Amino acid sequence: MTMRDLLLDVARTYDQKAGTGKDVPGQQILRAVNGRTDLGVLDGWIVAGFGGKGSAARAPWVGVFDSAINTDPKAGLYLAYIFSTDLTSVTLTLQQGVSELMDKIKEKKAFLTFLERQATRLYGSLPPTVAEEWNHRPSFGRGERPEAYEAASVVAHPYAVDDLPTEEELQQDLRVAANLLQRAAAADVAWRAAREAEQDDLELDLQSDLEPDQGRRRVVVRPAGGFKPRNSSGYVANIAARQQLKSQKHEALIEDFGAYIVTRDFTPTNLRIHPKDLILRQGDAMGPGAPEWLVEVKIVRNGDPTRAVREAVGQLREYSYFLYREQGVATPHLIALFSEDIGAYGPYLEHQGIAAIWRDGAGWAGTSTAAAWGMVD
């Protein structure tokens, strides 16, 4: 049986009114999907059918899971062929798990809004040319679950049941969707790591009963615009109503790079741009329409760049979306600046549309895009 045959069989036999009994044909087909290996999915991927428990699902579906990412439809990311409630269409969609979140957010509007925001953020991490082709908001019909699946969809490709493409075309679409899933999952991991890193960073206790020798640090408000090295002995940045202590190395790296990049005819700014670390403009082009480079600065610790790279990807994507795209501002070029060589992560960042620059002895080195911009040799 091919994937096309399976989708047609479900559409022809499924009956929401027939329940979920073992003798119900549509349910039998969906249950038989579990563990099948003849549907053309990649090695290490798992396929499963879902027709509801207790009562039949209004929108039956077939899940396709990358076992290296997630195998639980209640949470996490996965692919799914979801049928409309009238069974006239089926949509291949990159889905967020909804069940666990549904238990946590009881109010319907807040629940759907949260899913939509997460979907928008994940969509922003995908390659624009491919994502635009899959930028489809599915319509599965009325009902709690169908509406949740619509809101949870990151990207989607709809098919009319009476005009399904060939098996070869379906498999090609599935490979594209698999790639999008892996990219979105990588971005999601990076964002989660960045949030955990923020929680792990040193935080100042702002309670009135501070020990006398701890002292209470102040946020120094500097004039708007321009570039001026911050105090590299450590500073307090106001982040989401929380005070967070930044490291000496972080500020020293910004200071050194700022002094260097002006020699390459770029103008750095790090004042009054919180939460961004640094922005660059070329020469004296400072107007509203001038190209802008957004720089996220990371310290590589213990010779392992993994965490620094993940944090940089997550923050650059998030800032690019929320601080630029959502505000109607031209999307910036993205740069991740590191305290040392990041090895094999250079090509990875280039693939993500992010240039990388790192300290190289007494100088600076970087990826091909950084060199093309004239920032490194």
Protein backbone atom coordinates (compact mmCIF):
# COMPACT_ATOMS: atom_id res chain seq x y z
CA MET A 1 0.00 0.00 0.00
CA THR A 2 1.21 3.51 -0.79
CA MET A 3 0.60 6.70 1.19
CA ARG A 4 -1.85 7.73 -1.51
CA ASP A 5 -3.78 4.46 -1.14
CA LEU A 6 -3.93 4.92 2.63
CA LEU A 7 -5.29 8.46 2.41
CA LEU A 8 -7.94 7.42 -0.08
CA ASP A 9 -8.97 4.42 2.05
CA VAL A 10 -9.42 6.61 5.12
CA ALA A 11 -11.47 9.17 3.19
CA ARG A 12 -13.72 6.45 1.72
CA THR A 13 -14.35 4.44 4.88
CA TYR A 14 -14.12 6.76 7.87
CA ASP A 15 -17.42 7.51 9.61
CA GLN A 16 -17.52 9.91 12.59
CA LYS A 17 -20.90 8.48 13.64
CA ALA A 18 -19.72 4.86 13.73
CA GLY A 19 -17.67 5.19 16.93
CA THR A 20 -14.28 3.66 17.60
CA GLY A 21 -15.14 -0.03 17.86
CA LYS A 22 -12.78 -2.71 16.61
CA ASP A 23 -15.23 -3.66 13.84
CA VAL A 24 -15.49 -0.11 12.40
CA PRO A 25 -13.74 -0.14 8.98
CA GLY A 26 -12.28 3.37 9.10
CA GLN A 27 -10.92 2.79 12.60
CA GLN A 28 -9.44 -0.54 11.53
CA ILE A 29 -7.51 1.16 8.74
CA LEU A 30 -6.15 3.83 11.08
CA ARG A 31 -5.13 1.33 13.76
CA ALA A 32 -3.33 -0.78 11.16
CA VAL A 33 -1.13 2.19 10.23
CA ASN A 34 0.83 2.00 13.48
CA GLY A 35 4.30 0.66 12.89
CA ARG A 36 3.90 0.19 9.14
CA THR A 37 7.05 0.38 7.04
CA ASP A 38 5.57 0.42 3.52
CA LEU A 39 4.39 4.04 3.36
CA GLY A 40 7.58 5.60 2.03
CA VAL A 41 8.70 7.48 5.12
CA LEU A 42 12.38 7.98 5.95
CA ASP A 43 14.35 5.47 7.99
CA GLY A 44 13.86 6.06 11.69
CA TRP A 45 10.48 7.71 11.18
CA ILE A 46 7.25 6.36 12.65
CA VAL A 47 3.73 6.45 11.21
CA ALA A 48 0.55 6.18 13.29
CA GLY A 49 -3.19 6.59 12.69
CA PHE A 50 -5.56 8.49 14.97
CA GLY A 51 -9.33 8.19 14.92
CA GLY A 52 -10.19 9.18 18.47
CA LYS A 53 -10.63 7.44 21.80
CA GLY A 54 -14.08 6.78 23.21
CA SER A 55 -15.79 8.88 20.58
CA ALA A 56 -14.62 9.09 16.98
CA ALA A 57 -12.47 12.07 16.02
CA ARG A 58 -14.20 14.66 13.88
CA ALA A 59 -10.97 15.14 11.93
CA PRO A 60 -9.06 11.82 11.67
CA TRP A 61 -5.38 12.00 10.89
CA VAL A 62 -2.18 10.10 10.18
CA GLY A 63 0.92 11.22 12.09
CA VAL A 64 4.46 11.04 10.71
CA PHE A 65 7.08 11.33 13.45
CA ASP A 66 10.84 11.78 13.29
CA SER A 67 11.85 9.58 16.23
CA ALA A 68 14.95 11.72 16.76
CA ILE A 69 12.71 14.73 17.43
CA ASN A 70 9.42 13.58 18.92
CA THR A 71 7.05 10.62 18.97
CA ASP A 72 4.34 12.05 21.22
CA PRO A 73 1.46 13.87 19.49
CA LYS A 74 0.41 15.45 22.80
CA ALA A 75 3.38 17.83 22.71
CA GLY A 76 6.32 18.73 20.51
CA LEU A 77 6.53 18.96 16.72
CA TYR A 78 5.57 16.38 14.10
CA LEU A 79 4.00 16.00 10.66
CA ALA A 80 0.40 14.99 10.10
CA TYR A 81 -2.03 14.28 7.30
CA ILE A 82 -5.21 15.76 8.80
CA PHE A 83 -8.59 15.28 7.14
CA SER A 84 -11.29 17.93 7.09
CA THR A 85 -14.41 17.02 9.01
CA ASP A 86 -16.30 16.48 5.75
CA LEU A 87 -13.48 14.21 4.47
CA THR A 88 -13.23 16.13 1.20
CA SER A 89 -9.66 17.28 1.80
CA VAL A 90 -6.52 16.19 3.61
CA THR A 91 -3.65 18.47 4.56
CA LEU A 92 -0.01 17.65 5.18
CA THR A 93 0.90 19.97 8.03
CA LEU A 94 3.79 20.68 10.37
CA GLN A 95 1.99 20.50 13.70
CA GLN A 96 2.52 21.47 17.31
CA GLY A 97 1.16 19.02 19.86
CA VAL A 98 -2.03 20.43 21.40
CA SER A 99 -3.24 18.00 24.10
CA GLU A 100 -0.90 18.96 26.95
CA LEU A 101 -1.32 22.66 26.26
CA MET A 102 -5.09 22.26 26.10
CA ASP A 103 -5.00 20.93 29.65
CA LYS A 104 -2.96 23.94 30.81
CA ILE A 105 -4.81 26.76 29.01
CA LYS A 106 -8.53 26.28 29.53
CA GLU A 107 -9.76 29.50 27.94
CA LYS A 108 -10.30 28.82 24.24
CA LYS A 109 -9.24 32.17 22.81
CA ALA A 110 -6.04 32.30 24.87
CA PHE A 111 -5.24 28.71 23.92
CA LEU A 112 -5.66 29.28 20.18
CA THR A 113 -3.81 32.60 20.32
CA PHE A 114 -0.85 30.96 22.02
CA LEU A 115 -0.69 28.25 19.37
CA GLU A 116 -0.88 30.79 16.56
CA ARG A 117 1.93 32.88 18.04
CA GLN A 118 4.12 29.82 18.44
CA ALA A 119 3.34 28.79 14.87
CA THR A 120 4.27 32.26 13.61
CA ARG A 121 7.56 32.20 15.48
CA LEU A 122 8.44 28.76 14.14
CA TYR A 123 7.46 29.81 10.63
CA GLY A 124 9.98 32.64 10.89
CA SER A 125 12.79 30.12 11.40
CA LEU A 126 12.15 28.39 8.06
CA PRO A 127 13.77 29.14 4.68
CA PRO A 128 11.60 31.92 3.20
CA THR A 129 11.40 30.55 -0.35
CA VAL A 130 10.13 27.15 0.79
CA ALA A 131 8.03 28.40 3.67
CA GLU A 132 6.14 30.84 1.42
CA GLU A 133 5.05 27.98 -0.81
CA TRP A 134 3.70 26.19 2.26
CA ASN A 135 2.25 29.30 3.90
CA HIS A 136 -1.27 27.93 4.01
CA ARG A 137 -3.74 28.19 6.91
CA PRO A 138 -5.68 24.90 6.85
CA SER A 139 -9.41 24.66 7.35
CA PHE A 140 -10.48 21.42 9.00
CA GLY A 141 -14.03 22.33 10.05
CA ARG A 142 -15.78 23.14 13.30
CA GLY A 143 -14.95 21.49 16.59
CA GLU A 144 -12.46 21.83 19.42
CA ARG A 145 -9.77 19.62 17.93
CA PRO A 146 -10.07 20.69 14.28
CA GLU A 147 -9.79 24.34 15.32
CA ALA A 148 -6.80 23.56 17.54
CA TYR A 149 -5.07 21.78 14.65
CA GLU A 150 -5.66 24.83 12.45
CA ALA A 151 -4.07 27.18 15.00
CA ALA A 152 -1.18 24.78 15.67
CA SER A 153 -0.20 24.44 12.01
CA VAL A 154 3.19 26.00 11.21
CA VAL A 155 3.10 25.30 7.46
CA ALA A 156 0.73 23.19 5.41
CA HIS A 157 0.03 21.71 1.98
CA PRO A 158 -3.64 20.90 1.25
CA TYR A 159 -4.94 18.25 -1.14
CA ALA A 160 -8.45 17.61 -2.45
CA VAL A 161 -9.32 13.95 -1.86
CA ASP A 162 -10.90 13.60 -5.29
CA ASP A 163 -7.77 15.05 -6.92
CA LEU A 164 -4.88 13.58 -4.96
CA PRO A 165 -1.50 13.90 -6.68
CA THR A 166 0.55 10.88 -7.63
CA GLU A 167 2.42 8.88 -5.02
CA GLU A 168 5.70 10.29 -6.31
CA GLU A 169 4.45 13.86 -5.80
CA LEU A 170 3.14 13.03 -2.34
CA GLN A 171 6.51 11.58 -1.37
CA GLN A 172 8.34 14.65 -2.70
CA ASP A 173 6.09 16.89 -0.59
CA LEU A 174 6.69 14.65 2.42
CA ARG A 175 10.47 15.05 2.03
CA VAL A 176 10.10 18.84 1.94
CA ALA A 177 7.90 18.71 5.02
CA ALA A 178 10.44 16.49 6.79
CA ASN A 179 13.15 19.06 6.15
CA LEU A 180 10.92 21.86 7.45
CA LEU A 181 10.15 19.84 10.57
CA GLN A 182 13.84 19.32 11.29
CA ARG A 183 14.59 23.02 10.82
CA ALA A 184 11.70 24.12 13.01
CA ALA A 185 12.67 21.61 15.69
CA ALA A 186 16.26 22.89 15.69
CA ALA A 187 15.04 26.47 16.12
CA ASP A 188 12.68 25.38 18.89
CA VAL A 189 15.54 23.66 20.74
CA ALA A 190 17.67 26.79 20.38
CA TRP A 191 14.93 29.02 21.77
CA ARG A 192 14.38 26.71 24.72
CA ALA A 193 18.12 26.61 25.39
CA ALA A 194 18.26 30.40 25.26
CA ARG A 195 15.44 30.69 27.78
CA GLU A 196 17.12 28.17 30.07
CA ALA A 197 20.40 30.03 29.73
CA GLU A 198 18.74 33.24 30.81
CA GLN A 199 17.40 31.50 33.88
CA ASP A 200 20.84 30.03 34.62
CA ASP A 201 22.67 33.37 34.29
CA LEU A 202 23.61 35.26 37.40
CA GLU A 203 20.65 37.30 38.63
CA LEU A 204 20.85 40.15 41.12
CA ASP A 205 18.72 39.92 44.21
CA LEU A 206 16.84 43.20 44.26
CA GLN A 207 15.16 42.58 47.61
CA SER A 208 15.60 45.23 50.24
CA ASP A 209 17.41 42.84 52.58
CA LEU A 210 20.59 42.52 50.47
CA GLU A 211 23.74 41.79 52.41
CA PRO A 212 25.74 45.01 52.96
CA ASP A 213 28.77 43.74 51.07
CA GLN A 214 26.70 42.77 48.03
CA GLY A 215 25.69 46.30 47.17
CA ARG A 216 22.93 47.33 44.81
CA ARG A 217 24.05 47.79 41.22
CA ARG A 218 22.46 50.46 39.06
CA VAL A 219 21.46 50.55 35.45
CA VAL A 220 23.34 53.42 33.85
CA VAL A 221 21.24 55.28 31.27
CA ARG A 222 23.47 56.62 28.50
CA PRO A 223 22.68 59.11 25.71
CA ALA A 224 20.83 57.73 22.70
CA GLY A 225 22.74 56.66 19.59
CA GLY A 226 26.40 56.06 18.93
CA PHE A 227 28.82 53.49 20.21
CA LYS A 228 30.43 53.63 23.62
CA PRO A 229 32.01 50.64 25.37
CA ARG A 230 30.01 49.67 28.41
CA ASN A 231 31.76 48.98 31.65
CA SER A 232 33.40 45.61 31.07
CA SER A 233 33.60 44.95 34.80
CA GLY A 234 30.02 43.75 34.51
CA TYR A 235 26.72 45.57 34.12
CA VAL A 236 23.07 45.11 34.84
CA ALA A 237 20.64 45.00 31.89
CA ASN A 238 16.94 45.34 32.50
CA ILE A 239 15.40 42.29 30.83
CA ALA A 240 11.66 41.79 31.03
CA ALA A 241 11.33 43.38 34.47
CA ARG A 242 14.29 41.38 35.72
CA GLN A 243 17.85 42.45 36.45
CA GLN A 244 20.49 40.23 34.89
CA LEU A 245 24.25 40.44 35.35
CA LYS A 246 26.24 40.31 32.12
CA SER A 247 29.79 39.02 32.04
CA GLN A 248 33.01 40.95 31.68
CA LYS A 249 34.01 38.85 28.67
CA HIS A 250 30.75 39.59 26.88
CA GLU A 251 31.23 43.35 27.15
CA ALA A 252 34.94 43.20 26.37
CA LEU A 253 34.14 41.24 23.19
CA ILE A 254 31.67 43.92 22.08
CA GLU A 255 34.18 46.65 22.87
CA ASP A 256 36.99 44.99 20.91
CA PHE A 257 34.80 44.15 17.93
CA GLY A 258 33.35 47.66 17.87
CA ALA A 259 36.81 49.17 17.71
CA TYR A 260 37.73 46.77 14.90
CA ILE A 261 34.63 47.02 12.73
CA VAL A 262 34.90 50.80 12.31
CA THR A 263 38.13 50.13 10.42
CA ARG A 264 35.99 48.19 7.93
CA ASP A 265 33.74 51.19 7.28
CA PHE A 266 30.90 49.97 9.51
CA THR A 267 29.30 52.05 12.23
CA PRO A 268 28.49 50.10 15.42
CA THR A 269 25.75 51.05 17.88
CA ASN A 270 25.12 49.44 21.24
CA LEU A 271 23.38 52.21 23.15
CA ARG A 272 19.65 52.28 23.80
CA ILE A 273 19.00 49.20 21.64
CA HIS A 274 18.16 46.71 24.42
CA PRO A 275 17.69 43.74 24.21
CA LYS A 276 19.90 43.68 21.12
CA ASP A 277 23.65 43.40 21.75
CA LEU A 278 24.88 45.38 18.78
CA ILE A 279 23.75 46.73 15.43
CA LEU A 280 25.92 47.76 12.49
CA ARG A 281 25.35 50.10 9.57
CA GLN A 282 27.67 50.66 6.66
CA GLY A 283 29.59 53.94 6.58
CA ASP A 284 27.37 56.92 7.28
CA ALA A 285 24.16 55.28 6.03
CA MET A 286 22.05 55.86 9.13
CA GLY A 287 18.63 56.69 7.70
CA PRO A 288 15.42 54.63 8.22
CA GLY A 289 15.94 52.68 4.99
CA ALA A 290 19.63 51.97 5.53
CA PRO A 291 20.65 48.30 5.66
CA GLU A 292 21.18 47.06 9.20
CA TRP A 293 23.17 44.16 10.62
CA LEU A 294 21.90 42.64 13.86
CA VAL A 295 24.71 41.13 15.94
CA GLU A 296 24.22 38.65 18.78
CA VAL A 297 27.33 38.22 20.92
CA LYS A 298 28.16 34.91 22.60
CA ILE A 299 31.01 33.65 24.75
CA VAL A 300 32.15 30.11 23.96
CA ARG A 301 32.71 28.33 27.27
CA ASN A 302 35.05 25.41 27.94
CA GLY A 303 35.90 25.12 24.23
CA ASP A 304 32.40 23.84 23.37
CA PRO A 305 30.46 26.17 21.02
CA THR A 306 27.23 24.12 20.96
CA ARG A 307 25.29 26.08 23.56
CA ALA A 308 26.54 29.43 22.31
CA VAL A 309 25.47 28.61 18.74
CA ARG A 310 22.03 27.40 19.82
CA GLU A 311 21.44 30.52 21.89
CA ALA A 312 22.60 32.79 19.06
CA VAL A 313 20.30 31.16 16.50
CA GLY A 314 17.29 31.36 18.79
CA GLN A 315 17.81 34.97 19.81
CA LEU A 316 18.61 36.23 16.32
CA ARG A 317 15.50 34.58 14.88
CA GLU A 318 13.32 35.84 17.71
CA TYR A 319 14.63 39.41 17.59
CA SER A 320 14.47 39.47 13.79
CA TYR A 321 10.81 38.57 13.94
CA PHE A 322 9.51 40.48 16.96
CA LEU A 323 11.73 43.57 16.80
CA TYR A 324 11.74 43.97 13.02
CA ARG A 325 9.25 41.98 10.97
CA GLU A 326 6.33 42.31 13.39
CA GLN A 327 7.07 46.04 13.75
CA GLY A 328 7.06 46.58 9.99
CA VAL A 329 10.78 47.28 9.91
CA ALA A 330 13.04 45.92 7.17
CA THR A 331 14.51 42.56 8.16
CA PRO A 332 18.18 42.92 9.18
CA HIS A 333 21.17 40.88 8.12
CA LEU A 334 22.05 38.45 10.92
CA ILE A 335 25.47 37.97 12.52
CA ALA A 336 26.52 35.72 15.40
CA LEU A 337 29.72 37.00 17.05
CA PHE A 338 31.75 34.52 19.11
CA SER A 339 34.72 34.71 21.43
CA GLU A 340 36.50 31.89 19.58
CA ASP A 341 36.35 29.61 16.54
CA ILE A 342 33.11 27.62 16.33
CA GLY A 343 34.41 24.92 13.98
CA ALA A 344 31.78 22.96 12.06
CA TYR A 345 29.02 25.30 13.21
CA GLY A 346 30.18 27.93 10.69
CA PRO A 347 28.60 26.17 7.67
CA TYR A 348 25.54 25.34 9.79
CA LEU A 349 24.96 29.01 10.59
CA GLU A 350 25.47 29.96 6.95
CA HIS A 351 22.80 27.40 6.06
CA GLN A 352 20.51 29.11 8.57
CA GLY A 353 21.06 32.49 6.89
CA ILE A 354 23.32 33.72 9.70
CA ALA A 355 26.88 34.92 9.17
CA ALA A 356 29.40 34.06 11.88
CA ILE A 357 32.43 36.04 13.07
CA TRP A 358 34.85 35.00 15.79
CA ARG A 359 37.99 36.19 17.48
CA ASP A 360 41.04 34.64 15.83
CA GLY A 361 44.13 35.30 17.90
CA ALA A 362 44.74 39.04 17.72
CA GLY A 363 42.32 39.43 14.79
CA TRP A 364 38.97 38.30 13.50
CA ALA A 365 37.78 35.55 11.15
CA GLY A 366 34.39 34.55 9.84
CA THR A 367 32.21 32.68 7.39
CA SER A 368 31.90 33.36 3.68
CA THR A 369 28.99 35.79 4.05
CA ALA A 370 30.87 37.88 6.62
CA ALA A 371 33.79 38.01 4.17
CA ALA A 372 31.48 39.00 1.30
CA TRP A 373 30.24 41.91 3.42
CA GLY A 374 33.84 43.02 3.91
CA MET A 375 33.81 42.41 7.65
CA VAL A 376 36.63 39.86 7.61
CA ASP A 377 39.24 38.77 5.07
